[in-house]
PDB file of N, CA and C in Angstrom:
ATOM      1  N   MET A   1      67.258  44.476  81.143  1.00  0.00           N
ATOM      2  CA  MET A   1      66.144  43.807  80.494  1.00  0.00           C
ATOM      3  C   MET A   1      65.241  43.202  81.559  1.00  0.00           C
ATOM      4  N   LYS A   2      63.951  43.434  81.407  1.00  0.00           N
ATOM      5  CA  LYS A   2      62.943  42.819  82.269  1.00  0.00           C
ATOM      6  C   LYS A   2      62.154  41.808  81.452  1.00  0.00           C
ATOM      7  N   VAL A   3      61.559  40.872  82.162  1.00  0.00           N
ATOM      8  CA  VAL A   3      60.594  39.963  81.561  1.00  0.00           C
ATOM      9  C   VAL A   3      59.226  40.478  81.983  1.00  0.00           C
ATOM     10  N   ILE A   4      58.369  40.752  80.991  1.00  0.00           N
ATOM     11  CA  ILE A   4      57.080  41.379  81.245  1.00  0.00           C
ATOM     12  C   ILE A   4      55.974  40.550  80.604  1.00  0.00           C
ATOM     13  N   THR A   5      54.930  40.268  81.372  1.00  0.00           N
ATOM     14  CA  THR A   5      53.753  39.586  80.843  1.00  0.00           C
ATOM     15  C   THR A   5      52.648  40.604  80.635  1.00  0.00           C
ATOM     16  N   LEU A   6      52.079  40.593  79.436  1.00  0.00           N
ATOM     17  CA  LEU A   6      50.941  41.440  79.139  1.00  0.00           C
ATOM     18  C   LEU A   6      49.664  40.750  79.606  1.00  0.00           C
ATOM     19  N   CYS A   7      48.805  41.493  80.281  1.00  0.00           N
ATOM     20  CA  CYS A   7      47.533  40.967  80.770  1.00  0.00           C
ATOM     21  C   CYS A   7      46.419  41.911  80.348  1.00  0.00           C
ATOM     22  N   GLY A   8      45.231  41.378  80.144  1.00  0.00           N
ATOM     23  CA  GLY A   8      44.088  42.210  79.806  1.00  0.00           C
ATOM     24  C   GLY A   8      43.094  41.452  78.957  1.00  0.00           C
ATOM     25  N   SER A   9      42.024  42.139  78.614  1.00  0.00           N
ATOM     26  CA  SER A   9      40.959  41.541  77.816  1.00  0.00           C
ATOM     27  C   SER A   9      41.423  41.280  76.394  1.00  0.00           C
ATOM     28  N   THR A  10      40.975  40.154  75.845  1.00  0.00           N
ATOM     29  CA  THR A  10      41.331  39.803  74.472  1.00  0.00           C
ATOM     30  C   THR A  10      40.616  40.686  73.453  1.00  0.00           C
ATOM     31  N   LYS A  11      39.754  41.586  73.910  1.00  0.00           N
ATOM     32  CA  LYS A  11      39.121  42.511  72.968  1.00  0.00           C
ATOM     33  C   LYS A  11      40.031  43.687  72.622  1.00  0.00           C
ATOM     34  N   PHE A  12      41.182  43.789  73.292  1.00  0.00           N
ATOM     35  CA  PHE A  12      42.091  44.912  73.086  1.00  0.00           C
ATOM     36  C   PHE A  12      43.347  44.520  72.299  1.00  0.00           C
ATOM     37  N   LYS A  13      43.194  43.712  71.266  1.00  0.00           N
ATOM     38  CA  LYS A  13      44.350  43.247  70.491  1.00  0.00           C
ATOM     39  C   LYS A  13      45.219  44.387  69.957  1.00  0.00           C
ATOM     40  N   PRO A  14      44.653  45.460  69.390  1.00  0.00           N
ATOM     41  CA  PRO A  14      45.527  46.529  68.887  1.00  0.00           C
ATOM     42  C   PRO A  14      46.424  47.129  69.982  1.00  0.00           C
ATOM     43  N   GLN A  15      45.892  47.275  71.171  1.00  0.00           N
ATOM     44  CA  GLN A  15      46.675  47.831  72.275  1.00  0.00           C
ATOM     45  C   GLN A  15      47.723  46.833  72.765  1.00  0.00           C
ATOM     46  N   PHE A  16      47.395  45.537  72.757  1.00  0.00           N
ATOM     47  CA  PHE A  16      48.391  44.511  73.088  1.00  0.00           C
ATOM     48  C   PHE A  16      49.553  44.590  72.102  1.00  0.00           C
ATOM     49  N   ASP A  17      49.224  44.725  70.809  1.00  0.00           N
ATOM     50  CA  ASP A  17      50.269  44.791  69.784  1.00  0.00           C
ATOM     51  C   ASP A  17      51.174  46.004  69.994  1.00  0.00           C
ATOM     52  N   LEU A  18      50.569  47.162  70.299  1.00  0.00           N
ATOM     53  CA  LEU A  18      51.364  48.374  70.533  1.00  0.00           C
ATOM     54  C   LEU A  18      52.258  48.219  71.763  1.00  0.00           C
ATOM     55  N   ALA A  19      51.702  47.712  72.852  1.00  0.00           N
ATOM     56  CA  ALA A  19      52.481  47.538  74.081  1.00  0.00           C
ATOM     57  C   ALA A  19      53.614  46.544  73.862  1.00  0.00           C
ATOM     58  N   ASN A  20      53.320  45.447  73.159  1.00  0.00           N
ATOM     59  CA  ASN A  20      54.344  44.438  72.885  1.00  0.00           C
ATOM     60  C   ASN A  20      55.489  45.061  72.085  1.00  0.00           C
ATOM     61  N   ALA A  21      55.163  45.791  71.029  1.00  0.00           N
ATOM     62  CA  ALA A  21      56.202  46.413  70.200  1.00  0.00           C
ATOM     63  C   ALA A  21      57.013  47.421  71.005  1.00  0.00           C
ATOM     64  N   PHE A  22      56.344  48.278  71.756  1.00  0.00           N
ATOM     65  CA  PHE A  22      57.020  49.322  72.521  1.00  0.00           C
ATOM     66  C   PHE A  22      57.961  48.729  73.565  1.00  0.00           C
ATOM     67  N   LEU A  23      57.455  47.786  74.345  1.00  0.00           N
ATOM     68  CA  LEU A  23      58.267  47.182  75.403  1.00  0.00           C
ATOM     69  C   LEU A  23      59.409  46.351  74.824  1.00  0.00           C
ATOM     70  N   THR A  24      59.156  45.640  73.730  1.00  0.00           N
ATOM     71  CA  THR A  24      60.198  44.855  73.078  1.00  0.00           C
ATOM     72  C   THR A  24      61.315  45.753  72.562  1.00  0.00           C
ATOM     73  N   LEU A  25      60.943  46.868  71.916  1.00  0.00           N
ATOM     74  CA  LEU A  25      61.960  47.781  71.389  1.00  0.00           C
ATOM     75  C   LEU A  25      62.696  48.540  72.488  1.00  0.00           C
ATOM     76  N   GLN A  26      62.207  48.469  73.718  1.00  0.00           N
ATOM     77  CA  GLN A  26      62.945  49.012  74.860  1.00  0.00           C
ATOM     78  C   GLN A  26      63.908  47.972  75.428  1.00  0.00           C
ATOM     79  N   GLY A  27      63.915  46.769  74.832  1.00  0.00           N
ATOM     80  CA  GLY A  27      64.851  45.735  75.253  1.00  0.00           C
ATOM     81  C   GLY A  27      64.312  44.733  76.250  1.00  0.00           C
ATOM     82  N   HIS A  28      62.996  44.673  76.384  1.00  0.00           N
ATOM     83  CA  HIS A  28      62.391  43.733  77.329  1.00  0.00           C
ATOM     84  C   HIS A  28      61.914  42.479  76.612  1.00  0.00           C
ATOM     85  N   LEU A  29      61.893  41.378  77.341  1.00  0.00           N
ATOM     86  CA  LEU A  29      61.316  40.127  76.859  1.00  0.00           C
ATOM     87  C   LEU A  29      59.849  40.154  77.251  1.00  0.00           C
ATOM     88  N   VAL A  30      58.963  40.066  76.268  1.00  0.00           N
ATOM     89  CA  VAL A  30      57.532  40.241  76.511  1.00  0.00           C
ATOM     90  C   VAL A  30      56.775  38.953  76.227  1.00  0.00           C
ATOM     91  N   PHE A  31      56.000  38.517  77.221  1.00  0.00           N
ATOM     92  CA  PHE A  31      55.065  37.406  77.038  1.00  0.00           C
ATOM     93  C   PHE A  31      53.693  37.995  76.730  1.00  0.00           C
ATOM     94  N   GLY A  32      53.109  37.573  75.633  1.00  0.00           N
ATOM     95  CA  GLY A  32      51.788  38.054  75.252  1.00  0.00           C
ATOM     96  C   GLY A  32      50.756  36.945  75.342  1.00  0.00           C
ATOM     97  N   LEU A  33      49.705  37.097  74.558  1.00  0.00           N
ATOM     98  CA  LEU A  33      48.623  36.118  74.513  1.00  0.00           C
ATOM     99  C   LEU A  33      48.704  35.317  73.221  1.00  0.00           C
ATOM    100  N   ALA A  34      48.251  34.079  73.284  1.00  0.00           N
ATOM    101  CA  ALA A  34      48.259  33.233  72.097  1.00  0.00           C
ATOM    102  C   ALA A  34      47.045  33.496  71.216  1.00  0.00           C
ATOM    103  N   PHE A  35      45.914  33.838  71.830  1.00  0.00           N
ATOM    104  CA  PHE A  35      44.662  34.019  71.101  1.00  0.00           C
ATOM    105  C   PHE A  35      43.958  35.290  71.556  1.00  0.00           C
ATOM    106  N   PHE A  36      43.289  35.927  70.624  1.00  0.00           N
ATOM    107  CA  PHE A  36      42.474  37.108  70.907  1.00  0.00           C
ATOM    108  C   PHE A  36      41.045  36.806  70.457  1.00  0.00           C
ATOM    109  N   GLU A  37      40.440  35.839  71.123  1.00  0.00           N
ATOM    110  CA  GLU A  37      39.144  35.340  70.678  1.00  0.00           C
ATOM    111  C   GLU A  37      38.062  36.418  70.626  1.00  0.00           C
ATOM    112  N   GLN A  38      38.074  37.354  71.547  1.00  0.00           N
ATOM    113  CA  GLN A  38      37.031  38.383  71.521  1.00  0.00           C
ATOM    114  C   GLN A  38      37.203  39.337  70.347  1.00  0.00           C
ATOM    115  N   SER A  39      38.411  39.789  70.103  1.00  0.00           N
ATOM    116  CA  SER A  39      38.613  40.751  69.011  1.00  0.00           C
ATOM    117  C   SER A  39      38.657  40.070  67.647  1.00  0.00           C
ATOM    118  N   GLU A  40      38.981  38.788  67.615  1.00  0.00           N
ATOM    119  CA  GLU A  40      39.059  38.081  66.337  1.00  0.00           C
ATOM    120  C   GLU A  40      37.799  37.272  66.039  1.00  0.00           C
ATOM    121  N   GLY A  41      36.852  37.276  66.977  1.00  0.00           N
ATOM    122  CA  GLY A  41      35.543  36.692  66.727  1.00  0.00           C
ATOM    123  C   GLY A  41      35.467  35.183  66.630  1.00  0.00           C
ATOM    124  N   PHE A  42      36.194  34.478  67.472  1.00  0.00           N
ATOM    125  CA  PHE A  42      36.046  33.018  67.497  1.00  0.00           C
ATOM    126  C   PHE A  42      35.925  32.561  68.943  1.00  0.00           C
ATOM    127  N   GLU A  43      35.479  31.330  69.102  1.00  0.00           N
ATOM    128  CA  GLU A  43      35.286  30.792  70.446  1.00  0.00           C
ATOM    129  C   GLU A  43      36.284  29.689  70.731  1.00  0.00           C
ATOM    130  N   ILE A  44      36.678  29.599  72.000  1.00  0.00           N
ATOM    131  CA  ILE A  44      37.497  28.484  72.465  1.00  0.00           C
ATOM    132  C   ILE A  44      36.669  27.718  73.476  1.00  0.00           C
ATOM    133  N   THR A  45      37.030  26.461  73.677  1.00  0.00           N
ATOM    134  CA  THR A  45      36.283  25.642  74.628  1.00  0.00           C
ATOM    135  C   THR A  45      36.629  26.036  76.059  1.00  0.00           C
ATOM    136  N   ARG A  46      35.831  25.591  76.975  1.00  0.00           N
ATOM    137  CA  ARG A  46      36.097  25.846  78.397  1.00  0.00           C
ATOM    138  C   ARG A  46      37.450  25.263  78.795  1.00  0.00           C
ATOM    139  N   GLU A  47      37.736  24.050  78.301  1.00  0.00           N
ATOM    140  CA  GLU A  47      39.011  23.404  78.616  1.00  0.00           C
ATOM    141  C   GLU A  47      40.188  24.211  78.058  1.00  0.00           C
ATOM    142  N   GLN A  48      40.042  24.702  76.839  1.00  0.00           N
ATOM    143  CA  GLN A  48      41.097  25.531  76.244  1.00  0.00           C
ATOM    144  C   GLN A  48      41.292  26.813  77.045  1.00  0.00           C
ATOM    145  N   ALA A  49      40.191  27.426  77.470  1.00  0.00           N
ATOM    146  CA  ALA A  49      40.270  28.658  78.269  1.00  0.00           C
ATOM    147  C   ALA A  49      40.982  28.395  79.589  1.00  0.00           C
ATOM    148  N   GLU A  50      40.688  27.272  80.230  1.00  0.00           N
ATOM    149  CA  GLU A  50      41.347  26.925  81.497  1.00  0.00           C
ATOM    150  C   GLU A  50      42.843  26.688  81.284  1.00  0.00           C
ATOM    151  N   LEU A  51      43.187  25.976  80.216  1.00  0.00           N
ATOM    152  CA  LEU A  51      44.593  25.726  79.903  1.00  0.00           C
ATOM    153  C   LEU A  51      45.329  27.042  79.660  1.00  0.00           C
ATOM    154  N   LEU A  52      44.745  27.915  78.840  1.00  0.00           N
ATOM    155  CA  LEU A  52      45.385  29.198  78.555  1.00  0.00           C
ATOM    156  C   LEU A  52      45.533  30.039  79.822  1.00  0.00           C
ATOM    157  N   GLY A  53      44.546  29.965  80.712  1.00  0.00           N
ATOM    158  CA  GLY A  53      44.640  30.692  81.976  1.00  0.00           C
ATOM    159  C   GLY A  53      45.786  30.186  82.835  1.00  0.00           C
ATOM    160  N   GLN A  54      45.935  28.871  82.924  1.00  0.00           N
ATOM    161  CA  GLN A  54      47.034  28.302  83.708  1.00  0.00           C
ATOM    162  C   GLN A  54      48.389  28.640  83.095  1.00  0.00           C
ATOM    163  N   LEU A  55      48.480  28.579  81.781  1.00  0.00           N
ATOM    164  CA  LEU A  55      49.730  28.944  81.112  1.00  0.00           C
ATOM    165  C   LEU A  55      50.069  30.411  81.365  1.00  0.00           C
ATOM    166  N   HIS A  56      49.046  31.260  81.415  1.00  0.00           N
ATOM    167  CA  HIS A  56      49.282  32.684  81.656  1.00  0.00           C
ATOM    168  C   HIS A  56      49.840  32.912  83.063  1.00  0.00           C
ATOM    169  N   PHE A  57      49.336  32.167  84.035  1.00  0.00           N
ATOM    170  CA  PHE A  57      49.886  32.268  85.396  1.00  0.00           C
ATOM    171  C   PHE A  57      51.356  31.830  85.419  1.00  0.00           C
ATOM    172  N   ARG A  58      51.721  30.827  84.628  1.00  0.00           N
ATOM    173  CA  ARG A  58      53.122  30.402  84.571  1.00  0.00           C
ATOM    174  C   ARG A  58      53.981  31.497  83.934  1.00  0.00           C
ATOM    175  N   LYS A  59      53.445  32.197  82.945  1.00  0.00           N
ATOM    176  CA  LYS A  59      54.169  33.330  82.367  1.00  0.00           C
ATOM    177  C   LYS A  59      54.413  34.389  83.440  1.00  0.00           C
ATOM    178  N   ILE A  60      53.388  34.662  84.237  1.00  0.00           N
ATOM    179  CA  ILE A  60      53.527  35.638  85.327  1.00  0.00           C
ATOM    180  C   ILE A  60      54.611  35.181  86.303  1.00  0.00           C
ATOM    181  N   ASP A  61      54.634  33.879  86.620  1.00  0.00           N
ATOM    182  CA  ASP A  61      55.670  33.340  87.516  1.00  0.00           C
ATOM    183  C   ASP A  61      57.071  33.665  87.016  1.00  0.00           C
ATOM    184  N   ARG A  62      57.261  33.644  85.719  1.00  0.00           N
ATOM    185  CA  ARG A  62      58.582  33.844  85.121  1.00  0.00           C
ATOM    186  C   ARG A  62      58.893  35.310  84.815  1.00  0.00           C
ATOM    187  N   SER A  63      57.966  36.188  85.157  1.00  0.00           N
ATOM    188  CA  SER A  63      58.112  37.604  84.825  1.00  0.00           C
ATOM    189  C   SER A  63      58.597  38.433  86.008  1.00  0.00           C
ATOM    190  N   ASP A  64      59.177  39.571  85.673  1.00  0.00           N
ATOM    191  CA  ASP A  64      59.519  40.566  86.684  1.00  0.00           C
ATOM    192  C   ASP A  64      58.324  41.435  87.005  1.00  0.00           C
ATOM    193  N   GLU A  65      57.456  41.618  86.017  1.00  0.00           N
ATOM    194  CA  GLU A  65      56.276  42.463  86.207  1.00  0.00           C
ATOM    195  C   GLU A  65      55.209  42.085  85.198  1.00  0.00           C
ATOM    196  N   ILE A  66      54.007  42.624  85.440  1.00  0.00           N
ATOM    197  CA  ILE A  66      52.953  42.496  84.442  1.00  0.00           C
ATOM    198  C   ILE A  66      52.580  43.899  83.975  1.00  0.00           C
ATOM    199  N   TYR A  67      52.123  43.961  82.738  1.00  0.00           N
ATOM    200  CA  TYR A  67      51.670  45.211  82.148  1.00  0.00           C
ATOM    201  C   TYR A  67      50.224  44.984  81.742  1.00  0.00           C
ATOM    202  N   VAL A  68      49.311  45.680  82.436  1.00  0.00           N
ATOM    203  CA  VAL A  68      47.880  45.468  82.257  1.00  0.00           C
ATOM    204  C   VAL A  68      47.348  46.381  81.157  1.00  0.00           C
ATOM    205  N   ILE A  69      46.764  45.764  80.134  1.00  0.00           N
ATOM    206  CA  ILE A  69      46.141  46.516  79.051  1.00  0.00           C
ATOM    207  C   ILE A  69      44.702  46.795  79.507  1.00  0.00           C
ATOM    208  N   ASP A  70      44.511  47.973  80.092  1.00  0.00           N
ATOM    209  CA  ASP A  70      43.228  48.363  80.693  1.00  0.00           C
ATOM    210  C   ASP A  70      42.648  49.580  79.967  1.00  0.00           C
ATOM    211  N   VAL A  71      42.334  49.394  78.712  1.00  0.00           N
ATOM    212  CA  VAL A  71      41.828  50.487  77.883  1.00  0.00           C
ATOM    213  C   VAL A  71      40.567  51.068  78.520  1.00  0.00           C
ATOM    214  N   GLY A  72      40.572  52.383  78.701  1.00  0.00           N
ATOM    215  CA  GLY A  72      39.434  53.045  79.334  1.00  0.00           C
ATOM    216  C   GLY A  72      39.242  52.634  80.782  1.00  0.00           C
ATOM    217  N   GLY A  73      40.278  52.049  81.392  1.00  0.00           N
ATOM    218  CA  GLY A  73      40.184  51.587  82.774  1.00  0.00           C
ATOM    219  C   GLY A  73      39.493  50.243  82.934  1.00  0.00           C
ATOM    220  N   TYR A  74      39.162  49.576  81.813  1.00  0.00           N
ATOM    221  CA  TYR A  74      38.444  48.296  81.890  1.00  0.00           C
ATOM    222  C   TYR A  74      39.368  47.176  82.361  1.00  0.00           C
ATOM    223  N   ILE A  75      38.923  46.488  83.420  1.00  0.00           N
ATOM    224  CA  ILE A  75      39.609  45.299  83.925  1.00  0.00           C
ATOM    225  C   ILE A  75      38.537  44.254  84.211  1.00  0.00           C
ATOM    226  N   GLY A  76      38.568  43.154  83.466  1.00  0.00           N
ATOM    227  CA  GLY A  76      37.603  42.078  83.652  1.00  0.00           C
ATOM    228  C   GLY A  76      38.012  41.148  84.785  1.00  0.00           C
ATOM    229  N   ASP A  77      37.180  40.168  85.049  1.00  0.00           N
ATOM    230  CA  ASP A  77      37.415  39.238  86.155  1.00  0.00           C
ATOM    231  C   ASP A  77      38.720  38.458  86.013  1.00  0.00           C
ATOM    232  N   SER A  78      39.001  37.948  84.818  1.00  0.00           N
ATOM    233  CA  SER A  78      40.230  37.170  84.618  1.00  0.00           C
ATOM    234  C   SER A  78      41.458  38.030  84.844  1.00  0.00           C
ATOM    235  N   THR A  79      41.416  39.238  84.312  1.00  0.00           N
ATOM    236  CA  THR A  79      42.554  40.148  84.479  1.00  0.00           C
ATOM    237  C   THR A  79      42.714  40.534  85.943  1.00  0.00           C
ATOM    238  N   ARG A  80      41.614  40.750  86.623  1.00  0.00           N
ATOM    239  CA  ARG A  80      41.662  41.076  88.053  1.00  0.00           C
ATOM    240  C   ARG A  80      42.351  39.954  88.839  1.00  0.00           C
ATOM    241  N   ARG A  81      42.025  38.693  88.483  1.00  0.00           N
ATOM    242  CA  ARG A  81      42.689  37.545  89.140  1.00  0.00           C
ATOM    243  C   ARG A  81      44.186  37.533  88.830  1.00  0.00           C
ATOM    244  N   GLU A  82      44.550  37.848  87.593  1.00  0.00           N
ATOM    245  CA  GLU A  82      45.972  37.883  87.222  1.00  0.00           C
ATOM    246  C   GLU A  82      46.713  38.975  87.988  1.00  0.00           C
ATOM    247  N   ILE A  83      46.083  40.123  88.164  1.00  0.00           N
ATOM    248  CA  ILE A  83      46.700  41.214  88.922  1.00  0.00           C
ATOM    249  C   ILE A  83      46.924  40.785  90.367  1.00  0.00           C
ATOM    250  N   GLU A  84      45.910  40.204  90.966  1.00  0.00           N
ATOM    251  CA  GLU A  84      46.035  39.749  92.362  1.00  0.00           C
ATOM    252  C   GLU A  84      47.112  38.679  92.490  1.00  0.00           C
ATOM    253  N   TYR A  85      47.149  37.752  91.541  1.00  0.00           N
ATOM    254  CA  TYR A  85      48.170  36.707  91.562  1.00  0.00           C
ATOM    255  C   TYR A  85      49.566  37.329  91.458  1.00  0.00           C
ATOM    256  N   ALA A  86      49.729  38.248  90.519  1.00  0.00           N
ATOM    257  CA  ALA A  86      51.035  38.894  90.345  1.00  0.00           C
ATOM    258  C   ALA A  86      51.455  39.610  91.627  1.00  0.00           C
ATOM    259  N   LYS A  87      50.542  40.324  92.252  1.00  0.00           N
ATOM    260  CA  LYS A  87      50.864  41.027  93.497  1.00  0.00           C
ATOM    261  C   LYS A  87      51.256  40.040  94.595  1.00  0.00           C
ATOM    262  N   GLN A  88      50.542  38.925  94.688  1.00  0.00           N
ATOM    263  CA  GLN A  88      50.865  37.901  95.691  1.00  0.00           C
ATOM    264  C   GLN A  88      52.261  37.332  95.462  1.00  0.00           C
ATOM    265  N   GLN A  89      52.683  37.299  94.208  1.00  0.00           N
ATOM    266  CA  GLN A  89      54.011  36.777  93.868  1.00  0.00           C
ATOM    267  C   GLN A  89      55.091  37.853  93.959  1.00  0.00           C
ATOM    268  N   GLY A  90      54.711  39.061  94.360  1.00  0.00           N
ATOM    269  CA  GLY A  90      55.670  40.148  94.499  1.00  0.00           C
ATOM    270  C   GLY A  90      56.070  40.803  93.181  1.00  0.00           C
ATOM    271  N   LYS A  91      55.252  40.654  92.160  1.00  0.00           N
ATOM    272  CA  LYS A  91      55.553  41.231  90.848  1.00  0.00           C
ATOM    273  C   LYS A  91      55.057  42.677  90.792  1.00  0.00           C
ATOM    274  N   ALA A  92      55.791  43.509  90.077  1.00  0.00           N
ATOM    275  CA  ALA A  92      55.342  44.880  89.829  1.00  0.00           C
ATOM    276  C   ALA A  92      54.173  44.845  88.851  1.00  0.00           C
ATOM    277  N   VAL A  93      53.287  45.830  88.961  1.00  0.00           N
ATOM    278  CA  VAL A  93      52.119  45.921  88.082  1.00  0.00           C
ATOM    279  C   VAL A  93      52.082  47.330  87.493  1.00  0.00           C
ATOM    280  N   ARG A  94      52.080  47.400  86.159  1.00  0.00           N
ATOM    281  CA  ARG A  94      51.930  48.688  85.478  1.00  0.00           C
ATOM    282  C   ARG A  94      50.679  48.625  84.604  1.00  0.00           C
ATOM    283  N   TYR A  95      50.149  49.813  84.274  1.00  0.00           N
ATOM    284  CA  TYR A  95      48.874  49.892  83.569  1.00  0.00           C
ATOM    285  C   TYR A  95      48.976  50.723  82.297  1.00  0.00           C
ATOM    286  N   TYR A  96      48.369  50.228  81.249  1.00  0.00           N
ATOM    287  CA  TYR A  96      48.291  50.909  79.965  1.00  0.00           C
ATOM    288  C   TYR A  96      47.632  52.274  80.125  1.00  0.00           C
ATOM    289  N   SER A  97      46.589  52.346  80.950  1.00  0.00           N
ATOM    290  CA  SER A  97      45.843  53.596  81.124  1.00  0.00           C
ATOM    291  C   SER A  97      46.679  54.693  81.773  1.00  0.00           C
ATOM    292  N   SER A  98      47.821  54.333  82.336  1.00  0.00           N
ATOM    293  CA  SER A  98      48.705  55.337  82.939  1.00  0.00           C
ATOM    294  C   SER A  98      49.507  56.099  81.887  1.00  0.00           C
ATOM    295  N   GLY A  99      49.399  55.659  80.646  1.00  0.00           N
ATOM    296  CA  GLY A  99      50.098  56.337  79.561  1.00  0.00           C
ATOM    297  C   GLY A  99      51.471  55.756  79.307  1.00  0.00           C
ATOM    298  N   GLY A 100      52.142  56.346  78.350  1.00  0.00           N
ATOM    299  CA  GLY A 100      53.502  55.923  78.043  1.00  0.00           C
ATOM    300  C   GLY A 100      53.633  55.118  76.773  1.00  0.00           C
ATOM    301  N   ILE A 101      52.544  54.504  76.300  1.00  0.00           N
ATOM    302  CA  ILE A 101      52.600  53.735  75.063  1.00  0.00           C
ATOM    303  C   ILE A 101      52.063  54.626  73.939  1.00  0.00           C
ATOM    304  N   PRO A 102      52.858  54.893  72.920  1.00  0.00           N
ATOM    305  CA  PRO A 102      52.387  55.709  71.795  1.00  0.00           C
ATOM    306  C   PRO A 102      51.193  55.051  71.088  1.00  0.00           C
ATOM    307  N   ASP A 103      50.487  55.865  70.310  1.00  0.00           N
ATOM    308  CA  ASP A 103      49.260  55.416  69.644  1.00  0.00           C
ATOM    309  C   ASP A 103      49.470  54.698  68.311  1.00  0.00           C
ATOM    310  N   SER A 104      50.701  54.679  67.811  1.00  0.00           N
ATOM    311  CA  SER A 104      50.932  54.028  66.522  1.00  0.00           C
ATOM    312  C   SER A 104      52.314  53.379  66.500  1.00  0.00           C
ATOM    313  N   LEU A 105      52.458  52.409  65.601  1.00  0.00           N
ATOM    314  CA  LEU A 105      53.754  51.749  65.446  1.00  0.00           C
ATOM    315  C   LEU A 105      54.805  52.714  64.932  1.00  0.00           C
ATOM    316  N   ASP A 106      54.424  53.654  64.079  1.00  0.00           N
ATOM    317  CA  ASP A 106      55.376  54.655  63.585  1.00  0.00           C
ATOM    318  C   ASP A 106      55.955  55.456  64.743  1.00  0.00           C
ATOM    319  N   GLN A 107      55.110  55.884  65.662  1.00  0.00           N
ATOM    320  CA  GLN A 107      55.578  56.636  66.831  1.00  0.00           C
ATOM    321  C   GLN A 107      56.489  55.787  67.706  1.00  0.00           C
ATOM    322  N   ILE A 108      56.113  54.526  67.872  1.00  0.00           N
ATOM    323  CA  ILE A 108      56.931  53.613  68.703  1.00  0.00           C
ATOM    324  C   ILE A 108      58.320  53.468  68.102  1.00  0.00           C
ATOM    325  N   VAL A 109      58.398  53.233  66.801  1.00  0.00           N
ATOM    326  CA  VAL A 109      59.698  53.058  66.150  1.00  0.00           C
ATOM    327  C   VAL A 109      60.522  54.332  66.265  1.00  0.00           C
ATOM    328  N   SER A 110      59.886  55.482  66.082  1.00  0.00           N
ATOM    329  CA  SER A 110      60.603  56.764  66.181  1.00  0.00           C
ATOM    330  C   SER A 110      61.122  57.001  67.587  1.00  0.00           C
ATOM    331  N   LEU A 111      60.290  56.744  68.577  1.00  0.00           N
ATOM    332  CA  LEU A 111      60.684  56.987  69.975  1.00  0.00           C
ATOM    333  C   LEU A 111      61.781  56.053  70.455  1.00  0.00           C
ATOM    334  N   THR A 112      61.791  54.838  69.956  1.00  0.00           N
ATOM    335  CA  THR A 112      62.758  53.852  70.457  1.00  0.00           C
ATOM    336  C   THR A 112      64.003  53.757  69.585  1.00  0.00           C
ATOM    337  N   ALA A 113      64.054  54.501  68.490  1.00  0.00           N
ATOM    338  CA  ALA A 113      65.225  54.468  67.615  1.00  0.00           C
ATOM    339  C   ALA A 113      66.456  54.933  68.399  1.00  0.00           C
ATOM    340  N   GLY A 114      67.532  54.196  68.288  1.00  0.00           N
ATOM    341  CA  GLY A 114      68.781  54.570  68.940  1.00  0.00           C
ATOM    342  C   GLY A 114      68.887  54.123  70.383  1.00  0.00           C
ATOM    343  N   LYS A 115      67.919  53.404  70.888  1.00  0.00           N
ATOM    344  CA  LYS A 115      67.989  52.937  72.290  1.00  0.00           C
ATOM    345  C   LYS A 115      68.844  51.713  72.380  1.00  0.00           C
TER     346      LYS A 115
END
């Protein structure tokens, strides 16, 4: 079992959900995001954003690796900082765009059945 932190833009909530389900059903402990303000259409304050950013770095500290949700190769500034931080801490970095995550929950359940 690995501890994995999901990183990426909050506009990719469906992909975060798929990655979380897939990695969890493989037996990993997955840290995700608390809010998806971009995809859910709400705003958080600057202070809330800073707090969530610091909490995310602590999740990375406790992880074996990070899994970057980089749909279409998109990596924003915050995610880029998280990747650099993870690398500085000696954490492995994997990318959604490299493949491996099925496109639906049905596929995920089928692929991970019996593991």
